[in-house]
Structure formats: structure tokens, C-alpha cells
Amino acid sequence: MGYFRKKIERRTFSQDRYYILIKRKRSGEATLHDLEELDEIVNRVPDIREQVILENFYSEEEEGRNTPPTQPLDTKPQPPKRRSWLEAIRSFFHRLFMVQETCHNTASLL
């Protein structure tokens, strides 16, 4: 019955921490601190960095995702919305007073 046992896996602290942080990242529970720690581990440990490069750039599964779609998207640009006279006049005065207000605040600080 001993052949059903899992093989013992030897990991360093950095490798163990890397796998924990990757699980958090994939599940969406990672905080900014976790992501910074993950980045620092990848940059510091050469074995993990090599593994990440191989997974991200040389995996066969990712090749299908990186190719652009064969059919272009059917999105047509929307024509700009026409404004009425009243809206144009209102936006003109709004911009005029906003510019004067910001100049006034700047001058009063001196």
C-alpha cells in the first residue's frame, strides 16, 4: 500500500510562498502587498524566474490566446451627438466662468 503515497516534494520557502501567492492571485484575493511580494520573489529567485518565463512565453496553451481573432469586430463608430443652441450656449458660459474662476483662485493665492 505504500505505492499510493504522494512523493515528498522539496521546496524552498520562496517556492512555497510563490505558489501560495499565485493561488491568491488566480482566485482574486491577492492584495497589493501580496502582488509586490510575488514580483519581488520572481525577480530575486532565478529558478522561479525561469519557470515563470517558460510558463508565460513558451507554453503551447497560450499560443491560441495570443493570436488575433480571424473575424474583425463589427463595430461602427457612432456619429457625434448634435447639441442644441441652448446646450452650446450653456457649455460656452460654463467654460468661460470655469476659466475665470480658476484664474481668480490662482491670483488670490499670490
C-alpha atoms as a PDB file:
ATOM      1  CA  MET A   1       0.000   0.000   0.000  1.00  0.00           C
ATOM      2  CA  GLY A   2       2.990   2.282   0.207  1.00  0.00           C
ATOM      3  CA  TYR A   3       2.914   2.966  -3.520  1.00  0.00           C
ATOM      4  CA  PHE A   4      -0.271   5.096  -3.146  1.00  0.00           C
ATOM      5  CA  ARG A   5       1.548   7.726  -1.128  1.00  0.00           C
ATOM      6  CA  LYS A   6       2.426  11.041  -2.687  1.00  0.00           C
ATOM      7  CA  LYS A   7       6.039  11.728  -3.380  1.00  0.00           C
ATOM      8  CA  ILE A   8       7.562  14.219  -0.999  1.00  0.00           C
ATOM      9  CA  GLU A   9       8.167  17.483  -2.739  1.00  0.00           C
ATOM     10  CA  ARG A  10      11.102  19.556  -1.598  1.00  0.00           C
ATOM     11  CA  ARG A  11      10.524  23.288  -1.813  1.00  0.00           C
ATOM     12  CA  THR A  12      12.320  26.297  -0.529  1.00  0.00           C
ATOM     13  CA  PHE A  13      10.489  28.975   1.422  1.00  0.00           C
ATOM     14  CA  SER A  14      10.460  31.227  -1.655  1.00  0.00           C
ATOM     15  CA  GLN A  15       8.947  28.494  -3.832  1.00  0.00           C
ATOM     16  CA  ASP A  16       6.286  27.724  -1.242  1.00  0.00           C
ATOM     17  CA  ARG A  17       5.446  31.395  -0.840  1.00  0.00           C
ATOM     18  CA  TYR A  18       5.337  31.794  -4.650  1.00  0.00           C
ATOM     19  CA  TYR A  19       2.742  29.017  -5.004  1.00  0.00           C
ATOM     20  CA  ILE A  20       0.621  30.493  -2.199  1.00  0.00           C
ATOM     21  CA  LEU A  21       0.687  33.948  -3.779  1.00  0.00           C
ATOM     22  CA  ILE A  22      -0.115  32.584  -7.249  1.00  0.00           C
ATOM     23  CA  LYS A  23      -3.179  30.794  -5.813  1.00  0.00           C
ATOM     24  CA  ARG A  24      -4.334  34.056  -4.217  1.00  0.00           C
ATOM     25  CA  LYS A  25      -3.779  35.964  -7.445  1.00  0.00           C
ATOM     26  CA  ARG A  26      -5.736  33.469  -9.553  1.00  0.00           C
ATOM     27  CA  SER A  27      -8.633  33.403  -7.086  1.00  0.00           C
ATOM     28  CA  GLY A  28      -8.711  37.217  -6.979  1.00  0.00           C
ATOM     29  CA  GLU A  29      -7.928  37.512  -3.269  1.00  0.00           C
ATOM     30  CA  ALA A  30      -4.432  38.988  -3.612  1.00  0.00           C
ATOM     31  CA  THR A  31      -3.738  42.373  -2.098  1.00  0.00           C
ATOM     32  CA  LEU A  32      -1.275  44.917  -3.417  1.00  0.00           C
ATOM     33  CA  HIS A  33       1.239  43.776  -0.802  1.00  0.00           C
ATOM     34  CA  ASP A  34       0.876  40.164  -2.000  1.00  0.00           C
ATOM     35  CA  LEU A  35       1.449  41.192  -5.609  1.00  0.00           C
ATOM     36  CA  GLU A  36       4.527  43.207  -4.644  1.00  0.00           C
ATOM     37  CA  GLU A  37       5.887  40.216  -2.737  1.00  0.00           C
ATOM     38  CA  LEU A  38       5.201  37.960  -5.720  1.00  0.00           C
ATOM     39  CA  ASP A  39       7.047  40.339  -8.031  1.00  0.00           C
ATOM     40  CA  GLU A  40       9.972  40.532  -5.639  1.00  0.00           C
ATOM     41  CA  ILE A  41      10.204  36.724  -5.404  1.00  0.00           C
ATOM     42  CA  VAL A  42      10.128  36.342  -9.183  1.00  0.00           C
ATOM     43  CA  ASN A  43      12.853  38.951  -9.606  1.00  0.00           C
ATOM     44  CA  ARG A  44      15.042  37.578  -6.807  1.00  0.00           C
ATOM     45  CA  VAL A  45      14.940  33.780  -7.290  1.00  0.00           C
ATOM     46  CA  PRO A  46      16.411  32.599 -10.622  1.00  0.00           C
ATOM     47  CA  ASP A  47      14.665  29.180 -10.603  1.00  0.00           C
ATOM     48  CA  ILE A  48      11.232  30.748 -10.170  1.00  0.00           C
ATOM     49  CA  ARG A  49      12.000  33.441 -12.740  1.00  0.00           C
ATOM     50  CA  GLU A  50      12.920  30.763 -15.284  1.00  0.00           C
ATOM     51  CA  GLN A  51       9.729  28.842 -14.506  1.00  0.00           C
ATOM     52  CA  VAL A  52       7.600  31.981 -14.948  1.00  0.00           C
ATOM     53  CA  ILE A  53       9.267  32.797 -18.263  1.00  0.00           C
ATOM     54  CA  LEU A  54       8.708  29.267 -19.535  1.00  0.00           C
ATOM     55  CA  GLU A  55       5.060  29.278 -18.444  1.00  0.00           C
ATOM     56  CA  ASN A  56       4.257  32.690 -19.877  1.00  0.00           C
ATOM     57  CA  PHE A  57       6.192  32.744 -23.113  1.00  0.00           C
ATOM     58  CA  TYR A  58       6.733  29.173 -24.241  1.00  0.00           C
ATOM     59  CA  SER A  59       3.576  27.289 -23.314  1.00  0.00           C
ATOM     60  CA  GLU A  60       1.559  25.748 -26.111  1.00  0.00           C
ATOM     61  CA  GLU A  61      -1.770  26.523 -24.432  1.00  0.00           C
ATOM     62  CA  GLU A  62      -1.120  30.247 -24.532  1.00  0.00           C
ATOM     63  CA  GLU A  63      -0.405  30.286 -28.267  1.00  0.00           C
ATOM     64  CA  GLY A  64      -4.087  30.081 -29.121  1.00  0.00           C
ATOM     65  CA  ARG A  65      -4.958  33.028 -26.882  1.00  0.00           C
ATOM     66  CA  ASN A  66      -2.306  35.355 -28.290  1.00  0.00           C
ATOM     67  CA  THR A  67      -3.487  35.165 -31.877  1.00  0.00           C
ATOM     68  CA  PRO A  68      -5.927  37.834 -33.027  1.00  0.00           C
ATOM     69  CA  PRO A  69      -9.466  36.802 -33.910  1.00  0.00           C
ATOM     70  CA  THR A  70      -9.982  35.734 -37.505  1.00  0.00           C
ATOM     71  CA  GLN A  71     -13.138  37.799 -37.982  1.00  0.00           C
ATOM     72  CA  PRO A  72     -12.962  41.543 -37.397  1.00  0.00           C
ATOM     73  CA  LEU A  73     -15.373  43.069 -34.931  1.00  0.00           C
ATOM     74  CA  ASP A  74     -18.417  44.731 -36.465  1.00  0.00           C
ATOM     75  CA  THR A  75     -18.269  47.960 -34.525  1.00  0.00           C
ATOM     76  CA  LYS A  76     -19.070  51.131 -36.399  1.00  0.00           C
ATOM     77  CA  PRO A  77     -18.175  54.485 -34.910  1.00  0.00           C
ATOM     78  CA  GLN A  78     -21.156  56.386 -33.604  1.00  0.00           C
ATOM     79  CA  PRO A  79     -21.740  59.815 -35.122  1.00  0.00           C
ATOM     80  CA  PRO A  80     -21.313  62.665 -32.633  1.00  0.00           C
ATOM     81  CA  LYS A  81     -24.451  63.746 -30.846  1.00  0.00           C
ATOM     82  CA  ARG A  82     -25.763  67.079 -32.114  1.00  0.00           C
ATOM     83  CA  ARG A  83     -26.209  69.716 -29.461  1.00  0.00           C
ATOM     84  CA  SER A  84     -28.973  72.244 -29.447  1.00  0.00           C
ATOM     85  CA  TRP A  85     -28.338  76.003 -29.387  1.00  0.00           C
ATOM     86  CA  LEU A  86     -29.233  76.160 -25.744  1.00  0.00           C
ATOM     87  CA  GLU A  87     -26.740  73.423 -24.801  1.00  0.00           C
ATOM     88  CA  ALA A  88     -23.969  75.087 -26.853  1.00  0.00           C
ATOM     89  CA  ILE A  89     -24.544  78.480 -25.175  1.00  0.00           C
ATOM     90  CA  ARG A  90     -24.721  76.864 -21.732  1.00  0.00           C
ATOM     91  CA  SER A  91     -21.441  74.963 -22.244  1.00  0.00           C
ATOM     92  CA  PHE A  92     -19.750  78.145 -23.590  1.00  0.00           C
ATOM     93  CA  PHE A  93     -20.646  80.147 -20.488  1.00  0.00           C
ATOM     94  CA  HIS A  94     -19.770  77.229 -18.237  1.00  0.00           C
ATOM     95  CA  ARG A  95     -16.282  77.016 -19.769  1.00  0.00           C
ATOM     96  CA  LEU A  96     -15.923  80.812 -19.657  1.00  0.00           C
ATOM     97  CA  PHE A  97     -16.741  81.046 -15.966  1.00  0.00           C
ATOM     98  CA  MET A  98     -14.680  77.986 -15.073  1.00  0.00           C
ATOM     99  CA  VAL A  99     -11.601  79.540 -16.711  1.00  0.00           C
ATOM    100  CA  GLN A 100     -12.175  82.848 -14.942  1.00  0.00           C
ATOM    101  CA  GLU A 101     -12.767  81.106 -11.629  1.00  0.00           C
ATOM    102  CA  THR A 102      -9.505  79.145 -11.843  1.00  0.00           C
ATOM    103  CA  CYS A 103      -7.583  82.301 -12.825  1.00  0.00           C
ATOM    104  CA  HIS A 104      -9.184  84.183  -9.929  1.00  0.00           C
ATOM    105  CA  ASN A 105      -8.228  81.466  -7.438  1.00  0.00           C
ATOM    106  CA  THR A 106      -4.666  81.423  -8.710  1.00  0.00           C
ATOM    107  CA  ALA A 107      -4.339  85.202  -8.471  1.00  0.00           C
ATOM    108  CA  SER A 108      -5.752  85.284  -4.946  1.00  0.00           C
ATOM    109  CA  LEU A 109      -3.140  82.822  -3.701  1.00  0.00           C
ATOM    110  CA  LEU A 110      -0.349  85.244  -4.550  1.00  0.00           C
END
